[in-house]
PDB file of all heavy atoms in Angstrom:
ATOM      1  N   PRO A   1       1.320 -36.864  35.867  1.00  0.00           N
ATOM      2  CA  PRO A   1       1.942 -35.542  35.852  1.00  0.00           C
ATOM      3  C   PRO A   1       1.134 -34.493  35.095  1.00  0.00           C
ATOM      4  O   PRO A   1       1.454 -33.296  35.170  1.00  0.00           O
ATOM      5  CB  PRO A   1       3.292 -35.795  35.167  1.00  0.00           C
ATOM      6  CG  PRO A   1       3.063 -37.004  34.321  1.00  0.00           C
ATOM      7  CD  PRO A   1       2.081 -37.853  35.076  1.00  0.00           C
ATOM      8  N   PHE A   2       0.108 -34.907  34.395  1.00  0.00           N
ATOM      9  CA  PHE A   2      -0.706 -33.960  33.629  1.00  0.00           C
ATOM     10  C   PHE A   2      -1.988 -33.560  34.350  1.00  0.00           C
ATOM     11  O   PHE A   2      -2.761 -32.748  33.855  1.00  0.00           O
ATOM     12  CB  PHE A   2      -1.016 -34.539  32.246  1.00  0.00           C
ATOM     13  CG  PHE A   2       0.209 -34.676  31.387  1.00  0.00           C
ATOM     14  CD1 PHE A   2       0.918 -35.867  31.348  1.00  0.00           C
ATOM     15  CD2 PHE A   2       0.691 -33.602  30.646  1.00  0.00           C
ATOM     16  CE1 PHE A   2       2.070 -35.989  30.582  1.00  0.00           C
ATOM     17  CE2 PHE A   2       1.839 -33.714  29.877  1.00  0.00           C
ATOM     18  CZ  PHE A   2       2.537 -34.915  29.844  1.00  0.00           C
ATOM     19  N   SER A   3      -2.191 -34.118  35.532  1.00  0.00           N
ATOM     20  CA  SER A   3      -3.342 -33.715  36.337  1.00  0.00           C
ATOM     21  C   SER A   3      -3.076 -32.351  36.964  1.00  0.00           C
ATOM     22  O   SER A   3      -1.950 -32.032  37.331  1.00  0.00           O
ATOM     23  CB  SER A   3      -3.608 -34.752  37.438  1.00  0.00           C
ATOM     24  OG  SER A   3      -4.584 -34.272  38.347  1.00  0.00           O
ATOM     25  N   GLU A   4      -4.128 -31.558  37.124  1.00  0.00           N
ATOM     26  CA  GLU A   4      -4.006 -30.266  37.804  1.00  0.00           C
ATOM     27  C   GLU A   4      -4.244 -30.401  39.300  1.00  0.00           C
ATOM     28  O   GLU A   4      -4.116 -29.421  40.038  1.00  0.00           O
ATOM     29  CB  GLU A   4      -4.979 -29.253  37.192  1.00  0.00           C
ATOM     30  CG  GLU A   4      -4.612 -28.807  35.785  1.00  0.00           C
ATOM     31  CD  GLU A   4      -3.260 -28.095  35.708  1.00  0.00           C
ATOM     32  OE1 GLU A   4      -2.827 -27.529  36.729  1.00  0.00           O
ATOM     33  OE2 GLU A   4      -2.632 -28.125  34.637  1.00  0.00           O
ATOM     34  N   GLU A   5      -4.603 -31.602  39.754  1.00  0.00           N
ATOM     35  CA  GLU A   5      -4.765 -31.828  41.183  1.00  0.00           C
ATOM     36  C   GLU A   5      -3.416 -32.159  41.824  1.00  0.00           C
ATOM     37  O   GLU A   5      -2.503 -32.647  41.160  1.00  0.00           O
ATOM     38  CB  GLU A   5      -5.714 -33.010  41.437  1.00  0.00           C
ATOM     39  CG  GLU A   5      -7.152 -32.768  41.047  1.00  0.00           C
ATOM     40  CD  GLU A   5      -8.018 -33.961  41.385  1.00  0.00           C
ATOM     41  OE1 GLU A   5      -7.741 -35.062  40.868  1.00  0.00           O
ATOM     42  OE2 GLU A   5      -8.978 -33.783  42.157  1.00  0.00           O
ATOM     43  N   ILE A   6      -3.301 -31.889  43.132  1.00  0.00           N
ATOM     44  CA  ILE A   6      -2.115 -32.328  43.863  1.00  0.00           C
ATOM     45  C   ILE A   6      -1.962 -33.833  43.677  1.00  0.00           C
ATOM     46  O   ILE A   6      -2.954 -34.574  43.659  1.00  0.00           O
ATOM     47  CB  ILE A   6      -2.254 -31.977  45.349  1.00  0.00           C
ATOM     48  CG1 ILE A   6      -2.343 -30.461  45.523  1.00  0.00           C
ATOM     49  CG2 ILE A   6      -1.083 -32.530  46.159  1.00  0.00           C
ATOM     50  CD1 ILE A   6      -2.629 -30.026  46.932  1.00  0.00           C
ATOM     51  N   GLU A   7      -0.735 -34.293  43.540  1.00  0.00           N
ATOM     52  CA  GLU A   7      -0.517 -35.677  43.127  1.00  0.00           C
ATOM     53  C   GLU A   7      -1.200 -36.695  44.032  1.00  0.00           C
ATOM     54  O   GLU A   7      -1.776 -37.690  43.551  1.00  0.00           O
ATOM     55  CB  GLU A   7       0.984 -35.983  42.998  1.00  0.00           C
ATOM     56  CG  GLU A   7       1.763 -36.193  44.286  1.00  0.00           C
ATOM     57  CD  GLU A   7       2.335 -34.919  44.877  1.00  0.00           C
ATOM     58  OE1 GLU A   7       1.857 -33.823  44.531  1.00  0.00           O
ATOM     59  OE2 GLU A   7       3.254 -35.025  45.689  1.00  0.00           O
ATOM     60  N   HIS A   8      -1.182 -36.475  45.355  1.00  0.00           N
ATOM     61  CA  HIS A   8      -1.807 -37.441  46.259  1.00  0.00           C
ATOM     62  C   HIS A   8      -3.330 -37.414  46.121  1.00  0.00           C
ATOM     63  O   HIS A   8      -3.982 -38.464  46.151  1.00  0.00           O
ATOM     64  CB  HIS A   8      -1.423 -37.152  47.705  1.00  0.00           C
ATOM     65  CG  HIS A   8       0.012 -37.376  48.003  1.00  0.00           C
ATOM     66  ND1 HIS A   8       0.702 -38.503  47.609  1.00  0.00           N
ATOM     67  CD2 HIS A   8       0.924 -36.609  48.667  1.00  0.00           C
ATOM     68  CE1 HIS A   8       1.950 -38.427  48.009  1.00  0.00           C
ATOM     69  NE2 HIS A   8       2.112 -37.286  48.653  1.00  0.00           N
ATOM     70  N   VAL A   9      -3.902 -36.240  46.004  1.00  0.00           N
ATOM     71  CA  VAL A   9      -5.358 -36.120  45.895  1.00  0.00           C
ATOM     72  C   VAL A   9      -5.843 -36.862  44.653  1.00  0.00           C
ATOM     73  O   VAL A   9      -6.827 -37.614  44.686  1.00  0.00           O
ATOM     74  CB  VAL A   9      -5.780 -34.641  45.859  1.00  0.00           C
ATOM     75  CG1 VAL A   9      -7.290 -34.518  45.598  1.00  0.00           C
ATOM     76  CG2 VAL A   9      -5.411 -33.950  47.168  1.00  0.00           C
ATOM     77  N   ASN A  10      -5.150 -36.667  43.543  1.00  0.00           N
ATOM     78  CA  ASN A  10      -5.517 -37.357  42.306  1.00  0.00           C
ATOM     79  C   ASN A  10      -5.322 -38.860  42.436  1.00  0.00           C
ATOM     80  O   ASN A  10      -6.188 -39.656  42.039  1.00  0.00           O
ATOM     81  CB  ASN A  10      -4.675 -36.806  41.153  1.00  0.00           C
ATOM     82  CG  ASN A  10      -4.960 -37.489  39.831  1.00  0.00           C
ATOM     83  OD1 ASN A  10      -4.239 -38.397  39.416  1.00  0.00           O
ATOM     84  ND2 ASN A  10      -6.008 -37.044  39.170  1.00  0.00           N
ATOM     85  N   PHE A  11      -4.193 -39.266  43.011  1.00  0.00           N
ATOM     86  CA  PHE A  11      -3.882 -40.693  43.171  1.00  0.00           C
ATOM     87  C   PHE A  11      -4.918 -41.388  44.049  1.00  0.00           C
ATOM     88  O   PHE A  11      -5.433 -42.466  43.707  1.00  0.00           O
ATOM     89  CB  PHE A  11      -2.482 -40.843  43.773  1.00  0.00           C
ATOM     90  CG  PHE A  11      -2.009 -42.256  43.912  1.00  0.00           C
ATOM     91  CD1 PHE A  11      -1.371 -42.894  42.863  1.00  0.00           C
ATOM     92  CD2 PHE A  11      -2.194 -42.957  45.096  1.00  0.00           C
ATOM     93  CE1 PHE A  11      -0.928 -44.209  42.987  1.00  0.00           C
ATOM     94  CE2 PHE A  11      -1.757 -44.258  45.230  1.00  0.00           C
ATOM     95  CZ  PHE A  11      -1.120 -44.888  44.170  1.00  0.00           C
ATOM     96  N   PHE A  12      -5.271 -40.774  45.179  1.00  0.00           N
ATOM     97  CA  PHE A  12      -6.199 -41.420  46.101  1.00  0.00           C
ATOM     98  C   PHE A  12      -7.636 -41.391  45.591  1.00  0.00           C
ATOM     99  O   PHE A  12      -8.445 -42.248  45.970  1.00  0.00           O
ATOM    100  CB  PHE A  12      -6.090 -40.793  47.488  1.00  0.00           C
ATOM    101  CG  PHE A  12      -4.835 -41.180  48.206  1.00  0.00           C
ATOM    102  CD1 PHE A  12      -3.984 -40.217  48.731  1.00  0.00           C
ATOM    103  CD2 PHE A  12      -4.477 -42.510  48.344  1.00  0.00           C
ATOM    104  CE1 PHE A  12      -2.815 -40.569  49.382  1.00  0.00           C
ATOM    105  CE2 PHE A  12      -3.309 -42.883  48.989  1.00  0.00           C
ATOM    106  CZ  PHE A  12      -2.479 -41.911  49.513  1.00  0.00           C
ATOM    107  N   SER A  13      -7.959 -40.435  44.753  1.00  0.00           N
ATOM    108  CA  SER A  13      -9.275 -40.457  44.121  1.00  0.00           C
ATOM    109  C   SER A  13      -9.420 -41.716  43.265  1.00  0.00           C
ATOM    110  O   SER A  13     -10.465 -42.392  43.293  1.00  0.00           O
ATOM    111  CB  SER A  13      -9.459 -39.206  43.254  1.00  0.00           C
ATOM    112  OG  SER A  13     -10.688 -39.248  42.553  1.00  0.00           O
ATOM    113  N   LYS A  14      -8.376 -42.056  42.542  1.00  0.00           N
ATOM    114  CA  LYS A  14      -8.392 -43.281  41.731  1.00  0.00           C
ATOM    115  C   LYS A  14      -8.400 -44.520  42.618  1.00  0.00           C
ATOM    116  O   LYS A  14      -9.073 -45.512  42.306  1.00  0.00           O
ATOM    117  CB  LYS A  14      -7.169 -43.305  40.812  1.00  0.00           C
ATOM    118  CG  LYS A  14      -7.135 -42.186  39.780  1.00  0.00           C
ATOM    119  CD  LYS A  14      -5.830 -42.210  39.006  1.00  0.00           C
ATOM    120  CE  LYS A  14      -5.723 -41.064  38.026  1.00  0.00           C
ATOM    121  NZ  LYS A  14      -4.409 -41.028  37.346  1.00  0.00           N
ATOM    122  N   ALA A  15      -7.657 -44.474  43.723  1.00  0.00           N
ATOM    123  CA  ALA A  15      -7.625 -45.618  44.637  1.00  0.00           C
ATOM    124  C   ALA A  15      -8.994 -45.863  45.257  1.00  0.00           C
ATOM    125  O   ALA A  15      -9.449 -47.012  45.350  1.00  0.00           O
ATOM    126  CB  ALA A  15      -6.575 -45.386  45.721  1.00  0.00           C
ATOM    127  N   ARG A  16      -9.649 -44.803  45.692  1.00  0.00           N
ATOM    128  CA  ARG A  16     -10.973 -44.963  46.303  1.00  0.00           C
ATOM    129  C   ARG A  16     -11.985 -45.500  45.294  1.00  0.00           C
ATOM    130  O   ARG A  16     -12.889 -46.269  45.648  1.00  0.00           O
ATOM    131  CB  ARG A  16     -11.448 -43.636  46.884  1.00  0.00           C
ATOM    132  CG  ARG A  16     -10.712 -43.258  48.168  1.00  0.00           C
ATOM    133  CD  ARG A  16     -11.259 -42.014  48.830  1.00  0.00           C
ATOM    134  NE  ARG A  16     -10.983 -40.817  48.070  1.00  0.00           N
ATOM    135  CZ  ARG A  16     -11.862 -40.135  47.367  1.00  0.00           C
ATOM    136  NH1 ARG A  16     -13.127 -40.545  47.316  1.00  0.00           N
ATOM    137  NH2 ARG A  16     -11.519 -39.049  46.699  1.00  0.00           N
ATOM    138  N   ALA A  17     -11.818 -45.137  44.032  1.00  0.00           N
ATOM    139  CA  ALA A  17     -12.708 -45.653  42.986  1.00  0.00           C
ATOM    140  C   ALA A  17     -12.556 -47.156  42.814  1.00  0.00           C
ATOM    141  O   ALA A  17     -13.475 -47.830  42.338  1.00  0.00           O
ATOM    142  CB  ALA A  17     -12.428 -44.935  41.662  1.00  0.00           C
ATOM    143  N   LYS A  18     -11.401 -47.688  43.218  1.00  0.00           N
ATOM    144  CA  LYS A  18     -11.160 -49.127  43.165  1.00  0.00           C
ATOM    145  C   LYS A  18     -11.506 -49.823  44.479  1.00  0.00           C
ATOM    146  O   LYS A  18     -11.224 -51.002  44.657  1.00  0.00           O
ATOM    147  CB  LYS A  18      -9.690 -49.402  42.813  1.00  0.00           C
ATOM    148  CG  LYS A  18      -9.311 -49.056  41.381  1.00  0.00           C
ATOM    149  CD  LYS A  18      -7.832 -49.333  41.139  1.00  0.00           C
ATOM    150  CE  LYS A  18      -7.454 -49.155  39.681  1.00  0.00           C
ATOM    151  NZ  LYS A  18      -7.958 -50.253  38.825  1.00  0.00           N
ATOM    152  N   GLY A  19     -12.087 -49.075  45.416  1.00  0.00           N
ATOM    153  CA  GLY A  19     -12.514 -49.668  46.679  1.00  0.00           C
ATOM    154  C   GLY A  19     -11.480 -49.637  47.788  1.00  0.00           C
ATOM    155  O   GLY A  19     -11.691 -50.258  48.840  1.00  0.00           O
ATOM    156  N   ILE A  20     -10.373 -48.933  47.592  1.00  0.00           N
ATOM    157  CA  ILE A  20      -9.328 -48.847  48.614  1.00  0.00           C
ATOM    158  C   ILE A  20      -9.755 -47.883  49.714  1.00  0.00           C
ATOM    159  O   ILE A  20     -10.226 -46.773  49.442  1.00  0.00           O
ATOM    160  CB  ILE A  20      -7.998 -48.384  48.004  1.00  0.00           C
ATOM    161  CG1 ILE A  20      -7.548 -49.342  46.887  1.00  0.00           C
ATOM    162  CG2 ILE A  20      -6.919 -48.258  49.073  1.00  0.00           C
ATOM    163  CD1 ILE A  20      -7.285 -50.753  47.336  1.00  0.00           C
ATOM    164  N   LYS A  21      -9.583 -48.289  50.952  1.00  0.00           N
ATOM    165  CA  LYS A  21      -9.877 -47.442  52.099  1.00  0.00           C
ATOM    166  C   LYS A  21      -8.617 -46.683  52.509  1.00  0.00           C
ATOM    167  O   LYS A  21      -7.504 -47.226  52.465  1.00  0.00           O
ATOM    168  CB  LYS A  21     -10.384 -48.265  53.282  1.00  0.00           C
ATOM    169  CG  LYS A  21     -11.621 -49.118  52.978  1.00  0.00           C
ATOM    170  CD  LYS A  21     -12.846 -48.275  52.721  1.00  0.00           C
ATOM    171  CE  LYS A  21     -14.086 -49.141  52.568  1.00  0.00           C
ATOM    172  NZ  LYS A  21     -15.300 -48.333  52.279  1.00  0.00           N
ATOM    173  N   ILE A  22      -8.809 -45.438  52.948  1.00  0.00           N
ATOM    174  CA  ILE A  22      -7.702 -44.590  53.379  1.00  0.00           C
ATOM    175  C   ILE A  22      -8.024 -44.086  54.774  1.00  0.00           C
ATOM    176  O   ILE A  22      -9.112 -43.552  55.014  1.00  0.00           O
ATOM    177  CB  ILE A  22      -7.515 -43.402  52.414  1.00  0.00           C
ATOM    178  CG1 ILE A  22      -7.319 -43.907  50.986  1.00  0.00           C
ATOM    179  CG2 ILE A  22      -6.334 -42.535  52.845  1.00  0.00           C
ATOM    180  CD1 ILE A  22      -7.599 -42.872  49.924  1.00  0.00           C
ATOM    181  N   TYR A  23      -7.064 -44.240  55.696  1.00  0.00           N
ATOM    182  CA  TYR A  23      -7.294 -43.851  57.093  1.00  0.00           C
ATOM    183  C   TYR A  23      -6.202 -42.899  57.573  1.00  0.00           C
ATOM    184  O   TYR A  23      -5.035 -43.020  57.188  1.00  0.00           O
ATOM    185  CB  TYR A  23      -7.309 -45.087  57.996  1.00  0.00           C
ATOM    186  CG  TYR A  23      -8.469 -46.015  57.740  1.00  0.00           C
ATOM    187  CD1 TYR A  23      -8.323 -47.124  56.902  1.00  0.00           C
ATOM    188  CD2 TYR A  23      -9.715 -45.784  58.319  1.00  0.00           C
ATOM    189  CE1 TYR A  23      -9.394 -47.972  56.650  1.00  0.00           C
ATOM    190  CE2 TYR A  23     -10.786 -46.624  58.078  1.00  0.00           C
ATOM    191  CZ  TYR A  23     -10.624 -47.720  57.243  1.00  0.00           C
ATOM    192  OH  TYR A  23     -11.686 -48.553  56.994  1.00  0.00           O
ATOM    193  N   ALA A  24      -6.601 -41.978  58.436  1.00  0.00           N
ATOM    194  CA  ALA A  24      -5.655 -41.131  59.176  1.00  0.00           C
ATOM    195  C   ALA A  24      -5.857 -41.417  60.658  1.00  0.00           C
ATOM    196  O   ALA A  24      -6.988 -41.408  61.150  1.00  0.00           O
ATOM    197  CB  ALA A  24      -5.907 -39.657  58.876  1.00  0.00           C
ATOM    198  N   ASP A  25      -4.742 -41.681  61.352  1.00  0.00           N
ATOM    199  CA  ASP A  25      -4.824 -42.102  62.750  1.00  0.00           C
ATOM    200  C   ASP A  25      -4.013 -41.162  63.639  1.00  0.00           C
ATOM    201  O   ASP A  25      -2.784 -41.099  63.526  1.00  0.00           O
ATOM    202  CB  ASP A  25      -4.303 -43.527  62.889  1.00  0.00           C
ATOM    203  CG  ASP A  25      -4.643 -44.148  64.230  1.00  0.00           C
ATOM    204  OD1 ASP A  25      -4.666 -43.419  65.240  1.00  0.00           O
ATOM    205  OD2 ASP A  25      -4.885 -45.372  64.282  1.00  0.00           O
ATOM    206  N   PRO A  26      -4.681 -40.425  64.548  1.00  0.00           N
ATOM    207  CA  PRO A  26      -3.971 -39.479  65.406  1.00  0.00           C
ATOM    208  C   PRO A  26      -3.141 -40.122  66.504  1.00  0.00           C
ATOM    209  O   PRO A  26      -2.393 -39.415  67.190  1.00  0.00           O
ATOM    210  CB  PRO A  26      -5.108 -38.637  66.009  1.00  0.00           C
ATOM    211  CG  PRO A  26      -6.283 -39.563  66.025  1.00  0.00           C
ATOM    212  CD  PRO A  26      -6.130 -40.399  64.782  1.00  0.00           C
ATOM    213  N   SER A  27      -3.255 -41.431  66.679  1.00  0.00           N
ATOM    214  CA  SER A  27      -2.448 -42.089  67.721  1.00  0.00           C
ATOM    215  C   SER A  27      -0.982 -42.180  67.315  1.00  0.00           C
ATOM    216  O   SER A  27      -0.122 -42.496  68.140  1.00  0.00           O
ATOM    217  CB  SER A  27      -2.996 -43.492  68.015  1.00  0.00           C
ATOM    218  OG  SER A  27      -2.767 -44.379  66.930  1.00  0.00           O
ATOM    219  N   ILE A  28      -0.680 -41.916  66.046  1.00  0.00           N
ATOM    220  CA  ILE A  28       0.697 -41.910  65.544  1.00  0.00           C
ATOM    221  C   ILE A  28       0.968 -40.515  64.986  1.00  0.00           C
ATOM    222  O   ILE A  28       0.173 -39.988  64.205  1.00  0.00           O
ATOM    223  CB  ILE A  28       0.907 -42.970  64.448  1.00  0.00           C
ATOM    224  CG1 ILE A  28       0.413 -44.337  64.912  1.00  0.00           C
ATOM    225  CG2 ILE A  28       2.388 -43.044  64.058  1.00  0.00           C
ATOM    226  CD1 ILE A  28       0.410 -45.384  63.822  1.00  0.00           C
TER     227      ILE A  28
END
């Protein structure tokens, strides 16, 4: 809650640093 980034952007930045892949799929 103390980050100035939007919550998802901050959260996924940390996730990607741990090697997590994030995908967006236009078929859904």
